[in-house]
C-alpha atoms as a PDB file:
ATOM      1  CA  MET A   1    -177.696  86.559 -81.534  1.00  0.00           C
ATOM      2  CA  THR A   2    -180.249  83.754 -81.663  1.00  0.00           C
ATOM      3  CA  ARG A   3    -184.001  84.259 -81.248  1.00  0.00           C
ATOM      4  CA  GLU A   4    -183.757  82.992 -77.648  1.00  0.00           C
ATOM      5  CA  GLU A   5    -180.857  85.335 -76.889  1.00  0.00           C
ATOM      6  CA  LEU A   6    -182.871  88.217 -78.366  1.00  0.00           C
ATOM      7  CA  SER A   7    -185.825  87.353 -76.133  1.00  0.00           C
ATOM      8  CA  ASP A   8    -183.614  87.262 -73.048  1.00  0.00           C
ATOM      9  CA  ALA A   9    -181.865  90.531 -73.963  1.00  0.00           C
ATOM     10  CA  LEU A  10    -185.074  92.431 -74.661  1.00  0.00           C
ATOM     11  CA  ARG A  11    -186.763  91.178 -71.528  1.00  0.00           C
ATOM     12  CA  ALA A  12    -183.738  92.151 -69.416  1.00  0.00           C
ATOM     13  CA  LEU A  13    -183.683  95.585 -71.064  1.00  0.00           C
ATOM     14  CA  ALA A  14    -187.235  96.224 -69.820  1.00  0.00           C
ATOM     15  CA  LEU A  15    -187.806  99.408 -71.793  1.00  0.00           C
ATOM     16  CA  ASP A  16    -190.419 101.849 -70.584  1.00  0.00           C
ATOM     17  CA  GLU A  17    -193.555 102.258 -72.668  1.00  0.00           C
ATOM     18  CA  GLY A  18    -192.890 104.820 -75.381  1.00  0.00           C
ATOM     19  CA  GLU A  19    -189.194 104.024 -75.796  1.00  0.00           C
ATOM     20  CA  SER A  20    -188.320 102.953 -79.342  1.00  0.00           C
ATOM     21  CA  LEU A  21    -186.481  99.749 -80.176  1.00  0.00           C
ATOM     22  CA  TYR A  22    -185.172  98.556 -83.561  1.00  0.00           C
ATOM     23  CA  ILE A  23    -184.967  94.802 -84.287  1.00  0.00           C
ATOM     24  CA  GLU A  24    -183.493  93.159 -87.371  1.00  0.00           C
ATOM     25  CA  ARG A  25    -182.841  89.673 -88.717  1.00  0.00           C
ATOM     26  CA  ARG A  26    -180.035  88.639 -91.057  1.00  0.00           C
ATOM     27  CA  GLY A  27    -180.295  84.963 -91.892  1.00  0.00           C
ATOM     28  CA  GLU A  28    -180.752  83.240 -88.533  1.00  0.00           C
ATOM     29  CA  GLU A  29    -179.125  86.046 -86.528  1.00  0.00           C
ATOM     30  CA  TYR A  30    -180.972  88.881 -84.772  1.00  0.00           C
ATOM     31  CA  ALA A  31    -179.757  92.250 -83.563  1.00  0.00           C
ATOM     32  CA  TRP A  32    -181.359  95.179 -81.785  1.00  0.00           C
ATOM     33  CA  SER A  33    -180.651  98.748 -80.826  1.00  0.00           C
ATOM     34  CA  GLU A  34    -182.463 101.461 -78.968  1.00  0.00           C
ATOM     35  CA  GLY A  35    -183.811 104.061 -81.350  1.00  0.00           C
ATOM     36  CA  ASN A  36    -184.406 103.746 -85.091  1.00  0.00           C
ATOM     37  CA  GLY A  37    -181.785 101.316 -86.376  1.00  0.00           C
ATOM     38  CA  LEU A  38    -178.237 100.049 -86.457  1.00  0.00           C
ATOM     39  CA  GLU A  39    -176.073 102.785 -87.925  1.00  0.00           C
ATOM     40  CA  SER A  40    -173.088 100.584 -88.835  1.00  0.00           C
ATOM     41  CA  ALA A  41    -174.953  98.208 -91.138  1.00  0.00           C
ATOM     42  CA  ALA A  42    -173.378  98.107 -94.613  1.00  0.00           C
ATOM     43  CA  THR A  43    -176.174  95.996 -96.142  1.00  0.00           C
ATOM     44  CA  LEU A  44    -179.913  95.837 -95.630  1.00  0.00           C
ATOM     45  CA  PRO A  45    -181.269  93.217 -93.224  1.00  0.00           C
ATOM     46  CA  ASP A  46    -183.607  90.428 -94.343  1.00  0.00           C
ATOM     47  CA  ALA A  47    -186.311  91.819 -92.060  1.00  0.00           C
ATOM     48  CA  TRP A  48    -186.567  94.662 -89.570  1.00  0.00           C
ATOM     49  CA  MET A  49    -188.985  96.707 -87.507  1.00  0.00           C
ATOM     50  CA  SER A  50    -189.151  99.434 -84.922  1.00  0.00           C
ATOM     51  CA  TYR A  51    -191.413  98.999 -81.916  1.00  0.00           C
ATOM     52  CA  THR A  52    -192.709 101.442 -79.355  1.00  0.00           C
ATOM     53  CA  GLY A  53    -195.242 100.140 -76.886  1.00  0.00           C
ATOM     54  CA  LYS A  54    -195.807  98.172 -73.718  1.00  0.00           C
ATOM     55  CA  TRP A  55    -193.229  95.564 -72.689  1.00  0.00           C
ATOM     56  CA  PRO A  56    -194.832  92.850 -70.507  1.00  0.00           C
ATOM     57  CA  VAL A  57    -191.558  91.786 -68.903  1.00  0.00           C
ATOM     58  CA  THR A  58    -192.919  90.925 -65.455  1.00  0.00           C
ATOM     59  CA  ASP A  59    -195.217  88.082 -66.586  1.00  0.00           C
ATOM     60  CA  ASP A  60    -193.674  84.940 -68.123  1.00  0.00           C
ATOM     61  CA  GLU A  61    -196.757  83.873 -70.095  1.00  0.00           C
ATOM     62  CA  ALA A  62    -197.479  87.385 -71.357  1.00  0.00           C
ATOM     63  CA  TRP A  63    -193.825  87.804 -72.371  1.00  0.00           C
ATOM     64  CA  ARG A  64    -193.785  84.557 -74.377  1.00  0.00           C
ATOM     65  CA  ALA A  65    -196.962  85.551 -76.252  1.00  0.00           C
ATOM     66  CA  PHE A  66    -195.717  89.116 -76.786  1.00  0.00           C
ATOM     67  CA  PHE A  67    -192.310  88.004 -78.054  1.00  0.00           C
ATOM     68  CA  ALA A  68    -193.834  85.399 -80.400  1.00  0.00           C
ATOM     69  CA  ASP A  69    -196.066  88.107 -81.887  1.00  0.00           C
ATOM     70  CA  LEU A  70    -193.143  90.544 -82.162  1.00  0.00           C
ATOM     71  CA  ILE A  71    -191.053  87.978 -84.069  1.00  0.00           C
ATOM     72  CA  ALA A  72    -194.029  87.077 -86.284  1.00  0.00           C
ATOM     73  CA  GLU A  73    -194.312  90.751 -87.204  1.00  0.00           C
ATOM     74  CA  VAL A  74    -190.596  90.912 -88.089  1.00  0.00           C
ATOM     75  CA  GLU A  75    -190.876  87.704 -90.117  1.00  0.00           C
ATOM     76  CA  SER A  76    -193.903  89.013 -92.003  1.00  0.00           C
ATOM     77  CA  MET A  77    -191.503  91.302 -93.882  1.00  0.00           C
ATOM     78  CA  THR A  78    -190.020  88.256 -95.608  1.00  0.00           C
ATOM     79  CA  GLY A  79    -193.357  87.341 -97.194  1.00  0.00           C
ATOM     80  CA  ASP A  80    -193.812  84.200 -95.088  1.00  0.00           C
ATOM     81  CA  ALA A  81    -196.987  85.301 -93.306  1.00  0.00           C
ATOM     82  CA  ASP A  82    -200.015  87.510 -93.763  1.00  0.00           C
ATOM     83  CA  ARG A  83    -200.315  89.813 -90.744  1.00  0.00           C
ATOM     84  CA  CYS A  84    -203.272  91.778 -92.111  1.00  0.00           C
ATOM     85  CA  ARG A  85    -205.479  93.027 -89.289  1.00  0.00           C
ATOM     86  CA  TRP A  86    -208.754  93.096 -91.274  1.00  0.00           C
ATOM     87  CA  PRO A  87    -210.288  91.309 -94.271  1.00  0.00           C
ATOM     88  CA  LEU A  88    -208.513  92.039 -97.556  1.00  0.00           C
ATOM     89  CA  ASP A  89    -211.860  92.502 -99.326  1.00  0.00           C
ATOM     90  CA  ASP A  90    -212.810  95.266 -96.850  1.00  0.00           C
ATOM     91  CA  PRO A  91    -209.850  97.678 -96.594  1.00  0.00           C
ATOM     92  CA  TRP A  92    -211.886 100.144 -94.521  1.00  0.00           C
ATOM     93  CA  SER A  93    -213.278  97.685 -91.948  1.00  0.00           C
ATOM     94  CA  HIS A  94    -211.821  99.723 -89.102  1.00  0.00           C
ATOM     95  CA  HIS A  95    -214.371 102.456 -89.918  1.00  0.00           C
ATOM     96  CA  HIS A  96    -217.434 100.237 -89.250  1.00  0.00           C
END
């Protein structure tokens, strides 16, 4: 499925907070499953992630921002982006 189809499918699914979802990308195609992954995959995907958290499906603007961030996190596995949450020269910044 395309990125837009994935967005529509995940928003329609409207998982409850705490439910786990697996997302993967192979080339330009995305797939998802509830739980920890697609069992029938014979080869590894280009990028993948599991997500458990809040799904802001009732607010259009919040959904667009959430989905963009979710895809950016998946894409970070391909080496295209740095998603580090704190400065690289301070690996313990969350303890300050």
